[in-house]
Amino acid sequence: MPDGCDIRELPDGGQEFVLDDPVLAHIQVDVACWLTFGVIDVVIAQNDAMAIGVRKAFQEMIAEIDRDRWLEIPFTGVDGAPKTGQAWVRSGLLAATVFTPPNAGTAMELFVDAIKHGKMPTERVLIAPSSVPTLEKLRARR
């Protein structure tokens, strides 16, 4: 394993390449490490900006002859903000993003209901995230 590679073995025998620092210079070091392994199935980032940073590192570091092959890998993130993550999905830069809706509105509704009716809200209220594009559209791409 090359120096500086943060790789974890997965229970199914696969490997997970870990990127802990969203600074582009550090992303390039990690991507250089990943490329030594030759096969990457998908890039799943902690947020949309990191996914775009990894994609940019692939664009800048890979020889033109191999660039298209590597950029066909699905790059995915989490945030799904309309002007960034969702826009990057629509433009084809990201394959998908997970959109977690804002929860301030739900919190205010619970607060007002508690005041009006004198009852405490439940300890947890789950707000379901959604996929952009939808899971159905992602399945159809197979």
N, C-alpha and C. Protein backbone atom coordinates (compact mmCIF):
# COMPACT_ATOMS: atom_id res chain seq x y z
N MET A 1 0.85 -1.18 0.00
CA MET A 1 0.00 0.00 0.00
C MET A 1 0.89 1.24 0.00
N PRO A 2 0.63 2.19 -0.88
CA PRO A 2 1.43 3.42 -0.91
C PRO A 2 1.32 4.20 0.40
N ASP A 3 2.40 4.94 0.72
CA ASP A 3 2.39 5.76 1.93
C ASP A 3 1.25 6.77 1.88
N GLY A 4 0.61 7.00 3.01
CA GLY A 4 -0.41 8.02 3.11
C GLY A 4 -1.80 7.57 2.71
N CYS A 5 -1.93 6.34 2.22
CA CYS A 5 -3.26 5.85 1.82
C CYS A 5 -4.04 5.44 3.07
N ASP A 6 -5.24 5.93 3.20
CA ASP A 6 -6.11 5.53 4.30
C ASP A 6 -7.16 4.61 3.71
N ILE A 7 -6.93 3.31 3.85
CA ILE A 7 -7.79 2.30 3.25
C ILE A 7 -8.28 1.37 4.34
N ARG A 8 -9.57 1.08 4.32
CA ARG A 8 -10.16 0.15 5.29
C ARG A 8 -10.72 -1.05 4.55
N GLU A 9 -10.52 -2.22 5.12
CA GLU A 9 -11.09 -3.44 4.56
C GLU A 9 -12.56 -3.53 4.95
N LEU A 10 -13.41 -3.90 4.00
CA LEU A 10 -14.84 -4.04 4.25
C LEU A 10 -15.18 -5.51 4.50
N PRO A 11 -16.27 -5.79 5.24
CA PRO A 11 -16.63 -7.18 5.54
C PRO A 11 -16.83 -8.05 4.30
N ASP A 12 -17.25 -7.44 3.18
CA ASP A 12 -17.49 -8.22 1.96
C ASP A 12 -16.23 -8.46 1.15
N GLY A 13 -15.07 -8.04 1.69
CA GLY A 13 -13.81 -8.24 0.99
C GLY A 13 -13.37 -7.05 0.16
N GLY A 14 -14.24 -6.08 0.00
CA GLY A 14 -13.88 -4.88 -0.75
C GLY A 14 -13.04 -3.94 0.11
N GLN A 15 -12.71 -2.82 -0.48
CA GLN A 15 -11.92 -1.82 0.24
C GLN A 15 -12.62 -0.47 0.17
N GLU A 16 -12.44 0.29 1.23
CA GLU A 16 -12.98 1.64 1.31
C GLU A 16 -11.80 2.59 1.41
N PHE A 17 -11.71 3.50 0.45
CA PHE A 17 -10.65 4.51 0.46
C PHE A 17 -11.22 5.72 1.19
N VAL A 18 -10.50 6.22 2.16
CA VAL A 18 -11.04 7.25 3.04
C VAL A 18 -10.38 8.60 2.74
N LEU A 19 -11.21 9.61 2.62
CA LEU A 19 -10.75 10.99 2.43
C LEU A 19 -11.27 11.79 3.62
N ASP A 20 -10.35 12.26 4.45
CA ASP A 20 -10.75 12.97 5.66
C ASP A 20 -10.62 14.48 5.56
N ASP A 21 -9.96 14.97 4.53
CA ASP A 21 -9.66 16.40 4.45
C ASP A 21 -10.17 16.95 3.13
N PRO A 22 -11.11 17.91 3.14
CA PRO A 22 -11.67 18.42 1.90
C PRO A 22 -10.81 19.43 1.16
N VAL A 23 -9.59 19.72 1.63
CA VAL A 23 -8.72 20.67 0.95
C VAL A 23 -8.21 20.03 -0.34
N LEU A 24 -8.32 20.75 -1.46
CA LEU A 24 -8.01 20.17 -2.77
C LEU A 24 -6.62 19.56 -2.83
N ALA A 25 -5.61 20.20 -2.26
CA ALA A 25 -4.25 19.65 -2.31
C ALA A 25 -4.20 18.27 -1.65
N HIS A 26 -4.92 18.10 -0.55
CA HIS A 26 -4.94 16.82 0.14
C HIS A 26 -5.79 15.81 -0.64
N ILE A 27 -6.84 16.28 -1.27
CA ILE A 27 -7.66 15.40 -2.10
C ILE A 27 -6.79 14.82 -3.22
N GLN A 28 -5.95 15.65 -3.82
CA GLN A 28 -5.10 15.17 -4.91
C GLN A 28 -4.14 14.09 -4.44
N VAL A 29 -3.60 14.21 -3.23
CA VAL A 29 -2.72 13.18 -2.68
C VAL A 29 -3.51 11.88 -2.52
N ASP A 30 -4.73 11.97 -1.97
CA ASP A 30 -5.54 10.77 -1.79
C ASP A 30 -5.92 10.14 -3.13
N VAL A 31 -6.30 10.97 -4.10
CA VAL A 31 -6.68 10.44 -5.40
C VAL A 31 -5.48 9.76 -6.06
N ALA A 32 -4.31 10.33 -5.94
CA ALA A 32 -3.10 9.71 -6.49
C ALA A 32 -2.91 8.32 -5.88
N CYS A 33 -3.17 8.21 -4.61
CA CYS A 33 -3.08 6.92 -3.93
C CYS A 33 -4.12 5.95 -4.48
N TRP A 34 -5.36 6.42 -4.58
CA TRP A 34 -6.44 5.55 -5.06
C TRP A 34 -6.15 5.03 -6.45
N LEU A 35 -5.58 5.87 -7.30
CA LEU A 35 -5.33 5.48 -8.69
C LEU A 35 -4.32 4.34 -8.80
N THR A 36 -3.48 4.15 -7.79
CA THR A 36 -2.51 3.06 -7.85
C THR A 36 -3.19 1.70 -7.78
N PHE A 37 -4.43 1.67 -7.33
CA PHE A 37 -5.16 0.41 -7.22
C PHE A 37 -5.88 0.04 -8.51
N GLY A 38 -6.08 1.00 -9.40
CA GLY A 38 -6.60 0.71 -10.73
C GLY A 38 -8.09 0.53 -10.88
N VAL A 39 -8.81 0.15 -9.84
CA VAL A 39 -10.26 -0.06 -9.96
C VAL A 39 -10.97 0.70 -8.85
N ILE A 40 -11.84 1.59 -9.25
CA ILE A 40 -12.69 2.31 -8.31
C ILE A 40 -14.10 2.23 -8.88
N ASP A 41 -15.03 1.70 -8.11
CA ASP A 41 -16.40 1.50 -8.60
C ASP A 41 -17.28 2.73 -8.43
N VAL A 42 -17.08 3.46 -7.34
CA VAL A 42 -17.94 4.61 -7.05
C VAL A 42 -17.20 5.51 -6.06
N VAL A 43 -17.47 6.80 -6.13
CA VAL A 43 -16.97 7.75 -5.14
C VAL A 43 -18.18 8.24 -4.36
N ILE A 44 -18.20 7.97 -3.07
CA ILE A 44 -19.29 8.41 -2.19
C ILE A 44 -18.67 9.34 -1.17
N ALA A 45 -19.03 10.61 -1.26
CA ALA A 45 -18.42 11.61 -0.39
C ALA A 45 -19.37 12.03 0.72
N GLN A 46 -18.80 12.54 1.79
CA GLN A 46 -19.57 13.00 2.95
C GLN A 46 -20.44 14.20 2.62
N ASN A 47 -20.05 14.97 1.60
CA ASN A 47 -20.90 16.08 1.16
C ASN A 47 -20.66 16.32 -0.32
N ASP A 48 -21.52 17.09 -0.94
CA ASP A 48 -21.44 17.32 -2.38
C ASP A 48 -20.16 18.04 -2.79
N ALA A 49 -19.71 18.98 -1.98
CA ALA A 49 -18.50 19.74 -2.32
C ALA A 49 -17.27 18.82 -2.35
N MET A 50 -17.20 17.87 -1.42
CA MET A 50 -16.08 16.93 -1.44
C MET A 50 -16.14 16.04 -2.68
N ALA A 51 -17.34 15.62 -3.07
CA ALA A 51 -17.48 14.80 -4.28
C ALA A 51 -16.99 15.57 -5.50
N ILE A 52 -17.35 16.84 -5.59
CA ILE A 52 -16.90 17.68 -6.71
C ILE A 52 -15.38 17.88 -6.63
N GLY A 53 -14.83 18.03 -5.42
CA GLY A 53 -13.39 18.17 -5.25
C GLY A 53 -12.64 16.94 -5.74
N VAL A 54 -13.16 15.76 -5.43
CA VAL A 54 -12.53 14.53 -5.91
C VAL A 54 -12.63 14.45 -7.43
N ARG A 55 -13.79 14.79 -7.96
CA ARG A 55 -13.97 14.77 -9.43
C ARG A 55 -12.99 15.73 -10.09
N LYS A 56 -12.82 16.90 -9.50
CA LYS A 56 -11.87 17.89 -10.04
C LYS A 56 -10.45 17.35 -9.99
N ALA A 57 -10.10 16.68 -8.91
CA ALA A 57 -8.76 16.09 -8.81
C ALA A 57 -8.57 15.04 -9.90
N PHE A 58 -9.59 14.22 -10.15
CA PHE A 58 -9.50 13.23 -11.23
C PHE A 58 -9.28 13.94 -12.56
N GLN A 59 -10.03 15.02 -12.81
CA GLN A 59 -9.91 15.76 -14.07
C GLN A 59 -8.50 16.32 -14.26
N GLU A 60 -7.93 16.86 -13.18
CA GLU A 60 -6.65 17.55 -13.28
C GLU A 60 -5.46 16.60 -13.27
N MET A 61 -5.60 15.43 -12.68
CA MET A 61 -4.45 14.57 -12.46
C MET A 61 -4.29 13.45 -13.47
N ILE A 62 -5.34 13.10 -14.14
CA ILE A 62 -5.30 11.92 -14.99
C ILE A 62 -4.99 12.34 -16.43
N ALA A 63 -4.12 11.57 -17.07
CA ALA A 63 -3.77 11.85 -18.46
C ALA A 63 -5.04 11.86 -19.31
N GLU A 64 -5.05 12.73 -20.29
CA GLU A 64 -6.24 12.91 -21.13
C GLU A 64 -6.75 11.60 -21.72
N ILE A 65 -5.85 10.71 -22.08
CA ILE A 65 -6.25 9.46 -22.71
C ILE A 65 -7.11 8.60 -21.78
N ASP A 66 -6.89 8.68 -20.47
CA ASP A 66 -7.65 7.87 -19.50
C ASP A 66 -8.75 8.66 -18.79
N ARG A 67 -8.78 9.96 -18.97
CA ARG A 67 -9.66 10.83 -18.20
C ARG A 67 -11.14 10.45 -18.32
N ASP A 68 -11.63 10.24 -19.54
CA ASP A 68 -13.05 9.93 -19.73
C ASP A 68 -13.46 8.66 -18.99
N ARG A 69 -12.60 7.65 -19.05
CA ARG A 69 -12.90 6.38 -18.36
C ARG A 69 -13.06 6.61 -16.86
N TRP A 70 -12.13 7.38 -16.27
CA TRP A 70 -12.19 7.61 -14.83
C TRP A 70 -13.36 8.53 -14.46
N LEU A 71 -13.71 9.47 -15.32
CA LEU A 71 -14.80 10.40 -14.99
C LEU A 71 -16.18 9.77 -15.19
N GLU A 72 -16.23 8.55 -15.73
CA GLU A 72 -17.50 7.83 -15.83
C GLU A 72 -17.89 7.17 -14.51
N ILE A 73 -16.97 7.12 -13.57
CA ILE A 73 -17.28 6.58 -12.24
C ILE A 73 -18.39 7.43 -11.64
N PRO A 74 -19.39 6.82 -10.99
CA PRO A 74 -20.42 7.65 -10.33
C PRO A 74 -19.82 8.39 -9.13
N PHE A 75 -19.94 9.69 -9.12
CA PHE A 75 -19.54 10.54 -7.99
C PHE A 75 -20.81 10.94 -7.28
N THR A 76 -20.89 10.67 -5.99
CA THR A 76 -22.10 10.99 -5.23
C THR A 76 -21.74 11.74 -3.96
N GLY A 77 -22.70 12.52 -3.48
CA GLY A 77 -22.48 13.28 -2.26
C GLY A 77 -23.73 13.31 -1.42
N VAL A 78 -23.67 14.13 -0.39
CA VAL A 78 -24.78 14.29 0.54
C VAL A 78 -24.91 15.78 0.81
N ASP A 79 -26.05 16.30 0.77
CA ASP A 79 -26.47 17.67 1.08
C ASP A 79 -27.69 17.97 0.22
N GLY A 80 -27.47 17.87 -1.09
CA GLY A 80 -28.59 18.07 -2.02
C GLY A 80 -29.14 19.47 -2.06
N ALA A 81 -28.31 20.47 -1.72
CA ALA A 81 -28.80 21.84 -1.81
C ALA A 81 -29.17 22.14 -3.27
N PRO A 82 -30.27 22.84 -3.49
CA PRO A 82 -30.75 23.06 -4.86
C PRO A 82 -29.74 23.72 -5.79
N LYS A 83 -28.98 24.70 -5.29
CA LYS A 83 -28.07 25.44 -6.17
C LYS A 83 -26.69 24.79 -6.31
N THR A 84 -26.41 23.77 -5.53
CA THR A 84 -25.12 23.09 -5.65
C THR A 84 -25.36 21.62 -5.98
N GLY A 85 -25.57 20.79 -4.98
CA GLY A 85 -25.69 19.35 -5.20
C GLY A 85 -26.72 18.96 -6.26
N GLN A 86 -27.94 19.50 -6.15
CA GLN A 86 -28.97 19.15 -7.13
C GLN A 86 -28.62 19.69 -8.51
N ALA A 87 -28.03 20.88 -8.57
CA ALA A 87 -27.61 21.45 -9.86
C ALA A 87 -26.50 20.59 -10.47
N TRP A 88 -25.56 20.10 -9.64
CA TRP A 88 -24.48 19.26 -10.14
C TRP A 88 -25.02 17.93 -10.65
N VAL A 89 -26.08 17.41 -10.03
CA VAL A 89 -26.71 16.19 -10.53
C VAL A 89 -27.35 16.47 -11.89
N ARG A 90 -28.10 17.56 -11.99
CA ARG A 90 -28.76 17.90 -13.27
C ARG A 90 -27.74 18.10 -14.39
N SER A 91 -26.57 18.65 -14.06
CA SER A 91 -25.56 18.91 -15.09
C SER A 91 -24.72 17.67 -15.40
N GLY A 92 -24.86 16.61 -14.61
CA GLY A 92 -24.11 15.39 -14.85
C GLY A 92 -22.78 15.30 -14.12
N LEU A 93 -22.41 16.32 -13.35
CA LEU A 93 -21.15 16.25 -12.59
C LEU A 93 -21.23 15.24 -11.46
N LEU A 94 -22.38 15.14 -10.81
CA LEU A 94 -22.62 14.13 -9.78
C LEU A 94 -23.67 13.15 -10.30
N ALA A 95 -23.54 11.89 -9.91
CA ALA A 95 -24.54 10.89 -10.28
C ALA A 95 -25.78 11.02 -9.41
N ALA A 96 -25.56 11.38 -8.14
CA ALA A 96 -26.68 11.49 -7.20
C ALA A 96 -26.23 12.25 -5.97
N THR A 97 -27.21 12.71 -5.21
CA THR A 97 -26.96 13.32 -3.92
C THR A 97 -28.12 12.95 -3.01
N VAL A 98 -27.89 12.98 -1.73
CA VAL A 98 -28.96 12.73 -0.76
C VAL A 98 -29.39 14.08 -0.20
N PHE A 99 -30.66 14.38 -0.35
CA PHE A 99 -31.21 15.64 0.12
C PHE A 99 -31.89 15.42 1.47
N THR A 100 -31.42 16.11 2.47
CA THR A 100 -32.07 16.09 3.78
C THR A 100 -32.79 17.42 3.93
N PRO A 101 -34.11 17.38 3.97
CA PRO A 101 -34.86 18.64 4.04
C PRO A 101 -34.56 19.40 5.33
N PRO A 102 -34.67 20.72 5.28
CA PRO A 102 -34.48 21.51 6.50
C PRO A 102 -35.47 21.07 7.58
N ASN A 103 -35.05 21.15 8.82
CA ASN A 103 -35.94 20.69 9.89
C ASN A 103 -36.44 21.82 10.79
N ALA A 104 -36.11 23.06 10.47
CA ALA A 104 -36.55 24.17 11.32
C ALA A 104 -38.07 24.30 11.32
N GLY A 105 -38.70 24.11 10.17
CA GLY A 105 -40.16 24.21 10.09
C GLY A 105 -40.84 23.16 10.97
N THR A 106 -40.36 21.94 10.91
CA THR A 106 -40.92 20.87 11.74
C THR A 106 -40.71 21.19 13.21
N ALA A 107 -39.54 21.70 13.56
CA ALA A 107 -39.26 22.06 14.96
C ALA A 107 -40.21 23.14 15.45
N MET A 108 -40.48 24.13 14.61
CA MET A 108 -41.40 25.20 15.00
C MET A 108 -42.82 24.67 15.17
N GLU A 109 -43.24 23.78 14.28
CA GLU A 109 -44.58 23.17 14.41
C GLU A 109 -44.69 22.41 15.72
N LEU A 110 -43.66 21.65 16.08
CA LEU A 110 -43.68 20.91 17.35
C LEU A 110 -43.71 21.87 18.54
N PHE A 111 -42.96 22.95 18.44
CA PHE A 111 -42.90 23.95 19.51
C PHE A 111 -44.27 24.61 19.71
N VAL A 112 -44.88 25.05 18.60
CA VAL A 112 -46.20 25.71 18.68
C VAL A 112 -47.24 24.73 19.22
N ASP A 113 -47.20 23.48 18.74
CA ASP A 113 -48.16 22.47 19.21
C ASP A 113 -47.98 22.23 20.71
N ALA A 114 -46.73 22.22 21.18
CA ALA A 114 -46.49 22.01 22.61
C ALA A 114 -47.05 23.16 23.44
N ILE A 115 -46.90 24.39 22.95
CA ILE A 115 -47.42 25.55 23.68
C ILE A 115 -48.95 25.55 23.67
N LYS A 116 -49.54 25.34 22.50
CA LYS A 116 -51.00 25.38 22.37
C LYS A 116 -51.69 24.29 23.18
N HIS A 117 -51.14 23.10 23.14
CA HIS A 117 -51.82 21.96 23.76
C HIS A 117 -51.18 21.48 25.06
N GLY A 118 -50.08 22.14 25.47
CA GLY A 118 -49.45 21.79 26.73
C GLY A 118 -48.85 20.40 26.77
N LYS A 119 -48.47 19.88 25.62
CA LYS A 119 -47.89 18.53 25.61
C LYS A 119 -46.47 18.58 25.04
N MET A 120 -45.63 17.76 25.60
CA MET A 120 -44.25 17.67 25.13
C MET A 120 -44.21 16.85 23.83
N PRO A 121 -43.42 17.28 22.88
CA PRO A 121 -43.27 16.48 21.67
C PRO A 121 -42.50 15.21 21.96
N THR A 122 -42.59 14.26 21.07
CA THR A 122 -41.83 13.02 21.25
C THR A 122 -40.35 13.35 21.26
N GLU A 123 -39.59 12.45 21.84
CA GLU A 123 -38.15 12.69 21.97
C GLU A 123 -37.47 12.82 20.61
N ARG A 124 -37.92 12.03 19.64
CA ARG A 124 -37.31 12.06 18.31
C ARG A 124 -38.39 12.19 17.24
N VAL A 125 -38.10 13.00 16.27
CA VAL A 125 -38.96 13.12 15.10
C VAL A 125 -38.05 12.93 13.89
N LEU A 126 -38.32 11.91 13.11
CA LEU A 126 -37.49 11.63 11.95
C LEU A 126 -38.02 12.34 10.72
N ILE A 127 -37.11 12.95 10.00
CA ILE A 127 -37.44 13.60 8.74
C ILE A 127 -36.69 12.83 7.67
N ALA A 128 -37.42 12.19 6.80
CA ALA A 128 -36.82 11.30 5.82
C ALA A 128 -36.04 12.06 4.75
N PRO A 129 -34.82 11.62 4.49
CA PRO A 129 -34.07 12.20 3.37
C PRO A 129 -34.61 11.65 2.06
N SER A 130 -34.22 12.24 0.96
CA SER A 130 -34.63 11.72 -0.33
C SER A 130 -33.45 11.73 -1.28
N SER A 131 -33.52 10.91 -2.29
CA SER A 131 -32.46 10.81 -3.27
C SER A 131 -32.74 11.73 -4.44
N VAL A 132 -31.69 12.36 -4.96
CA VAL A 132 -31.79 13.17 -6.17
C VAL A 132 -30.74 12.61 -7.13
N PRO A 133 -31.15 11.99 -8.24
CA PRO A 133 -32.52 11.70 -8.68
C PRO A 133 -33.17 10.65 -7.79
N THR A 134 -34.43 10.38 -8.03
CA THR A 134 -35.16 9.41 -7.21
C THR A 134 -34.52 8.03 -7.34
N LEU A 135 -34.78 7.18 -6.35
CA LEU A 135 -34.25 5.83 -6.39
C LEU A 135 -34.73 5.07 -7.63
N GLU A 136 -35.96 5.33 -8.04
CA GLU A 136 -36.50 4.67 -9.24
C GLU A 136 -35.68 5.04 -10.47
N LYS A 137 -35.34 6.31 -10.60
CA LYS A 137 -34.54 6.76 -11.76
C LYS A 137 -33.12 6.19 -11.69
N LEU A 138 -32.56 6.08 -10.48
CA LEU A 138 -31.24 5.50 -10.34
C LEU A 138 -31.25 4.02 -10.72
N ARG A 139 -32.32 3.29 -10.30
CA ARG A 139 -32.43 1.86 -10.67
C ARG A 139 -32.54 1.70 -12.18
N ALA A 140 -33.22 2.61 -12.84
CA ALA A 140 -33.41 2.52 -14.29
C ALA A 140 -32.10 2.71 -15.05
N ARG A 141 -31.11 3.31 -14.44
CA ARG A 141 -29.82 3.54 -15.09
C ARG A 141 -28.99 2.27 -15.23
N ARG A 142 -29.31 1.26 -14.44
CA ARG A 142 -28.50 0.02 -14.45
C ARG A 142 -28.45 -0.58 -15.79
